[in-house]
């Protein structure tokens, strides 16, 4: 039997790797949509299968129906995301939801560019993602933290405080689907200085999942006030 030759990482194969690296983990329909090489489904699926066969990516089924792919350690080495890492079981769902959150947020007119963060590579606070945004003609940078499980109060407060000293981010948006966590983080903020409270925005979407994120109808909290998303991030005066 003739041994199958490995693929050459160029063209569509390299682009697929870079798209997967950008989002860390991604479902197959979204991967096909984001790829600039427009292929019919059988051809697209074959390209992904070959990347998986040669060990550049790994795939997993969610609910035995929806396939998601992510980079292996081998695949990461062929992308510009030097500080990425192979996804483990603990981070799988978190990274999946974070990718959904970022893609949805980038549909908002005042949010221009964004990316997910990978493995820590230097000193400083590292959010799950970041967005370059503008409001009333002024540009700013928004960090994104997706909180699916509640952390200890001292750990949360420490990270809140670190955002006041990190000059890369003007604000940080904490997003959760847990009402109890949302209320607890409000309480933590009220115990901190004004300089910290001015940096942190909380958002609750009870239906947040790997398939759903509706930020426009979410509940937001900033500086002791309950507000709508567009009031905070749209071109309006508070």
Protein backbone atom coordinates (compact mmCIF):
# COMPACT_ATOMS: atom_id res chain seq x y z
CA UNK A 1 0.00 0.00 0.00
CA UNK A 2 1.36 3.42 -0.97
CA UNK A 3 1.77 5.79 1.98
CA UNK A 4 -0.33 8.93 1.73
CA UNK A 5 1.70 12.08 1.17
CA UNK A 6 1.37 14.91 3.65
CA UNK A 7 -0.26 18.16 2.58
CA UNK A 8 1.77 21.26 1.76
CA UNK A 9 0.89 24.08 4.14
CA UNK A 10 0.15 26.88 1.74
CA UNK A 11 -2.87 28.53 0.19
CA UNK A 12 -6.17 27.34 1.58
CA UNK A 13 -4.56 25.01 4.15
CA UNK A 14 -2.55 27.83 5.71
CA UNK A 15 -5.54 30.16 5.73
CA UNK A 16 -7.68 27.55 7.48
CA UNK A 17 -4.99 27.14 10.14
CA UNK A 18 -4.79 30.90 10.69
CA UNK A 19 -8.56 31.28 10.98
CA UNK A 20 -8.70 28.49 13.54
CA UNK A 21 -5.79 30.08 15.41
CA UNK A 22 -7.53 33.47 15.46
CA UNK A 23 -10.65 32.03 17.12
CA UNK A 24 -8.91 29.19 19.03
CA UNK A 25 -11.91 26.89 18.47
CA UNK A 26 -14.52 27.18 15.75
CA UNK A 27 -17.47 25.29 14.29
CA UNK A 28 -17.31 23.98 10.73
CA UNK A 29 -19.98 26.25 9.14
CA UNK A 30 -18.33 29.38 10.56
CA UNK A 31 -14.89 28.21 9.42
CA UNK A 32 -16.18 27.71 5.88
CA UNK A 33 -17.87 31.12 5.93
CA UNK A 34 -14.73 32.96 7.08
CA UNK A 35 -12.45 31.27 4.54
CA UNK A 36 -11.74 33.48 1.52
CA UNK A 37 -11.30 30.39 -0.68
CA UNK A 38 -14.90 29.68 -1.65
CA UNK A 39 -15.30 25.92 -1.93
CA UNK A 40 -18.20 23.55 -2.24
CA UNK A 41 -18.89 21.68 0.96
CA UNK A 42 -17.31 18.31 -0.05
CA UNK A 43 -14.06 20.04 -1.04
CA UNK A 44 -14.01 22.11 2.16
CA UNK A 45 -14.65 19.06 4.35
CA UNK A 46 -11.87 17.18 2.58
CA UNK A 47 -9.38 20.00 3.24
CA UNK A 48 -10.26 19.99 6.93
CA UNK A 49 -10.04 16.19 7.03
CA UNK A 50 -6.52 16.31 5.58
CA UNK A 51 -5.40 18.90 8.14
CA UNK A 52 -6.76 16.63 10.85
CA UNK A 53 -5.18 13.52 9.31
CA UNK A 54 -1.75 15.17 9.23
CA UNK A 55 -2.03 16.25 12.86
CA UNK A 56 -2.31 20.02 12.41
CA UNK A 57 -5.78 20.29 13.91
CA UNK A 58 -8.05 18.29 16.17
CA UNK A 59 -11.80 17.94 16.02
CA UNK A 60 -14.51 17.21 18.52
CA UNK A 61 -18.26 16.74 18.40
CA UNK A 62 -20.53 18.73 20.66
CA UNK A 63 -23.78 16.95 21.30
CA UNK A 64 -22.77 14.30 18.71
CA UNK A 65 -23.92 16.67 16.01
CA UNK A 66 -21.85 19.84 15.69
CA UNK A 67 -18.15 19.47 14.92
CA UNK A 68 -15.61 21.99 16.20
CA UNK A 69 -11.93 22.16 15.31
CA UNK A 70 -8.90 23.63 17.05
CA UNK A 71 -5.13 23.61 16.56
CA UNK A 72 -2.84 20.90 17.83
CA UNK A 73 0.59 21.78 19.18
CA UNK A 74 1.93 20.90 15.72
CA UNK A 75 -0.50 23.24 13.96
CA UNK A 76 0.17 26.16 16.29
CA UNK A 77 3.81 26.26 15.15
CA UNK A 78 2.71 27.20 11.62
CA UNK A 79 0.69 30.28 12.62
CA UNK A 80 1.70 33.78 13.80
CA UNK A 81 0.05 33.10 17.16
CA UNK A 82 3.30 32.24 18.90
CA UNK A 83 1.84 32.20 22.38
CA UNK A 84 -1.14 30.03 21.74
CA UNK A 85 -1.67 26.61 23.28
CA UNK A 86 -3.53 23.43 22.58
CA UNK A 87 -7.00 23.58 24.08
CA UNK A 88 -7.69 21.28 27.01
CA UNK A 89 -10.92 19.90 28.37
CA UNK A 90 -11.21 22.62 31.02
CA UNK A 91 -10.96 25.53 28.57
CA UNK A 92 -12.90 23.98 25.68
CA UNK A 93 -16.36 25.39 26.42
CA UNK A 94 -15.00 28.69 27.72
CA UNK A 95 -12.99 29.31 24.55
CA UNK A 96 -15.92 28.23 22.41
CA UNK A 97 -18.26 30.72 24.08
CA UNK A 98 -15.63 33.47 24.04
CA UNK A 99 -15.29 33.08 20.27
CA UNK A 100 -19.06 33.38 19.89
CA UNK A 101 -19.10 36.46 22.14
CA UNK A 102 -16.36 38.21 20.17
CA UNK A 103 -17.86 37.47 16.75
CA UNK A 104 -21.25 38.79 17.88
CA UNK A 105 -19.80 41.92 19.50
CA UNK A 106 -17.95 42.76 16.28
CA UNK A 107 -21.32 43.12 14.53
CA UNK A 108 -21.93 46.25 16.64
CA UNK A 109 -21.25 49.37 14.56
CA UNK A 110 -18.95 51.05 17.09
CA UNK A 111 -16.73 47.98 17.50
CA UNK A 112 -14.14 47.93 14.72
CA UNK A 113 -11.57 45.18 15.30
CA UNK A 114 -10.98 42.46 17.83
CA UNK A 115 -9.01 39.38 18.68
CA UNK A 116 -8.85 36.63 21.26
CA UNK A 117 -5.90 36.37 23.60
CA UNK A 118 -3.73 33.30 23.81
CA UNK A 119 -1.22 32.09 26.34
CA UNK A 120 0.31 34.70 28.66
CA UNK A 121 3.56 35.92 27.11
CA UNK A 122 4.48 39.02 29.09
CA UNK A 123 3.67 40.86 32.28
CA UNK A 124 0.28 42.49 32.62
CA UNK A 125 -3.35 41.54 32.84
CA UNK A 126 -4.60 39.26 30.07
CA UNK A 127 -8.29 39.23 29.19
CA UNK A 128 -10.02 36.58 27.10
CA UNK A 129 -10.34 38.96 24.16
CA UNK A 130 -10.10 42.64 23.25
CA UNK A 131 -11.89 45.06 20.94
CA UNK A 132 -10.83 48.32 19.32
CA UNK A 133 -13.86 50.59 19.55
CA UNK A 134 -15.06 54.16 19.27
CA UNK A 135 -17.77 56.23 20.90
CA UNK A 136 -18.81 59.73 19.88
CA UNK A 137 -15.75 59.87 17.60
CA UNK A 138 -13.25 58.89 20.33
CA UNK A 139 -11.29 55.65 20.07
CA UNK A 140 -10.70 53.32 23.00
CA UNK A 141 -9.76 49.71 23.76
CA UNK A 142 -12.14 47.33 25.51
CA UNK A 143 -10.98 44.15 27.24
CA UNK A 144 -13.40 41.20 27.34
CA UNK A 145 -13.67 38.72 30.21
CA UNK A 146 -16.08 35.79 29.88
CA UNK A 147 -16.95 34.49 33.36
CA UNK A 148 -18.80 31.17 33.40
CA UNK A 149 -17.90 30.22 36.96
CA UNK A 150 -17.66 32.47 40.00
CA UNK A 151 -14.18 33.14 41.35
CA UNK A 152 -13.21 33.93 44.93
CA UNK A 153 -13.81 37.58 45.85
CA UNK A 154 -10.14 38.37 46.51
CA UNK A 155 -9.14 36.93 43.13
CA UNK A 156 -11.82 38.94 41.30
CA UNK A 157 -11.01 42.18 43.12
CA UNK A 158 -7.31 41.75 42.38
CA UNK A 159 -8.00 41.46 38.67
CA UNK A 160 -10.42 44.40 38.76
CA UNK A 161 -7.66 46.50 40.30
CA UNK A 162 -5.07 45.38 37.76
CA UNK A 163 -7.17 46.87 34.97
CA UNK A 164 -6.68 50.33 36.50
CA UNK A 165 -2.91 50.12 35.97
CA UNK A 166 -2.82 48.37 32.58
CA UNK A 167 -2.65 51.19 30.04
CA UNK A 168 -3.53 48.95 27.10
CA UNK A 169 -7.22 48.85 28.04
CA UNK A 170 -9.54 51.76 28.74
CA UNK A 171 -12.35 49.54 30.01
CA UNK A 172 -13.08 45.88 30.70
CA UNK A 173 -16.41 44.21 29.95
CA UNK A 174 -17.18 41.20 32.15
CA UNK A 175 -19.77 38.90 30.52
CA UNK A 176 -21.64 36.09 32.25
CA UNK A 177 -24.78 33.98 32.02
CA UNK A 178 -25.07 33.53 35.79
CA UNK A 179 -27.34 36.00 37.61
CA UNK A 180 -25.80 35.12 40.99
CA UNK A 181 -22.29 35.82 39.68
CA UNK A 182 -23.48 39.08 38.11
CA UNK A 183 -24.90 40.28 41.44
CA UNK A 184 -21.83 39.14 43.38
CA UNK A 185 -19.49 41.06 41.06
CA UNK A 186 -21.63 44.17 41.50
CA UNK A 187 -21.15 43.83 45.24
CA UNK A 188 -17.37 43.41 44.84
CA UNK A 189 -17.19 46.57 42.74
CA UNK A 190 -19.03 48.64 45.32
CA UNK A 191 -16.30 47.79 47.82
CA UNK A 192 -13.58 49.17 45.55
CA UNK A 193 -12.34 52.64 44.65
CA UNK A 194 -13.93 54.90 42.05
CA UNK A 195 -10.90 54.44 39.77
CA UNK A 196 -11.65 50.71 39.64
CA UNK A 197 -15.41 51.14 39.19
CA UNK A 198 -14.81 53.49 36.28
CA UNK A 199 -12.96 50.74 34.42
CA UNK A 200 -15.33 47.78 34.83
CA UNK A 201 -18.63 47.06 33.06
CA UNK A 202 -20.74 43.99 33.84
CA UNK A 203 -23.07 42.28 31.38
CA UNK A 204 -25.61 39.52 32.01
CA UNK A 205 -27.09 37.39 29.22
CA UNK A 206 -28.86 34.46 30.85
CA UNK A 207 -29.07 32.64 27.50
CA UNK A 208 -25.36 32.96 26.68
CA UNK A 209 -24.02 29.73 25.17
CA UNK A 210 -21.80 28.49 22.36
CA UNK A 211 -24.71 29.17 19.99
CA UNK A 212 -26.35 32.25 21.49
CA UNK A 213 -25.30 35.72 22.61
CA UNK A 214 -27.69 38.68 22.52
CA UNK A 215 -25.79 41.67 23.84
CA UNK A 216 -28.38 44.24 22.72
CA UNK A 217 -31.04 42.81 25.05
CA UNK A 218 -28.62 42.07 27.87
CA UNK A 219 -28.57 43.65 31.31
CA UNK A 220 -25.54 45.87 31.99
CA UNK A 221 -24.15 47.48 35.13
CA UNK A 222 -21.76 50.42 35.32
CA UNK A 223 -21.02 52.85 38.16
CA UNK A 224 -23.95 51.68 40.31
CA UNK A 225 -26.37 51.97 37.39
CA UNK A 226 -28.32 49.39 35.42
CA UNK A 227 -28.07 50.32 31.74
CA UNK A 228 -28.69 48.96 28.27
CA UNK A 229 -25.76 48.02 26.05
CA UNK A 230 -26.37 50.83 23.53
CA UNK A 231 -26.47 53.39 26.33
CA UNK A 232 -22.94 52.40 27.31
CA UNK A 233 -21.33 51.72 23.95
CA UNK A 234 -23.48 53.57 21.42
CA UNK A 235 -23.12 57.22 20.42
CA UNK A 236 -25.25 58.54 23.25
CA UNK A 237 -24.68 60.61 26.36
CA UNK A 238 -25.10 58.85 29.70
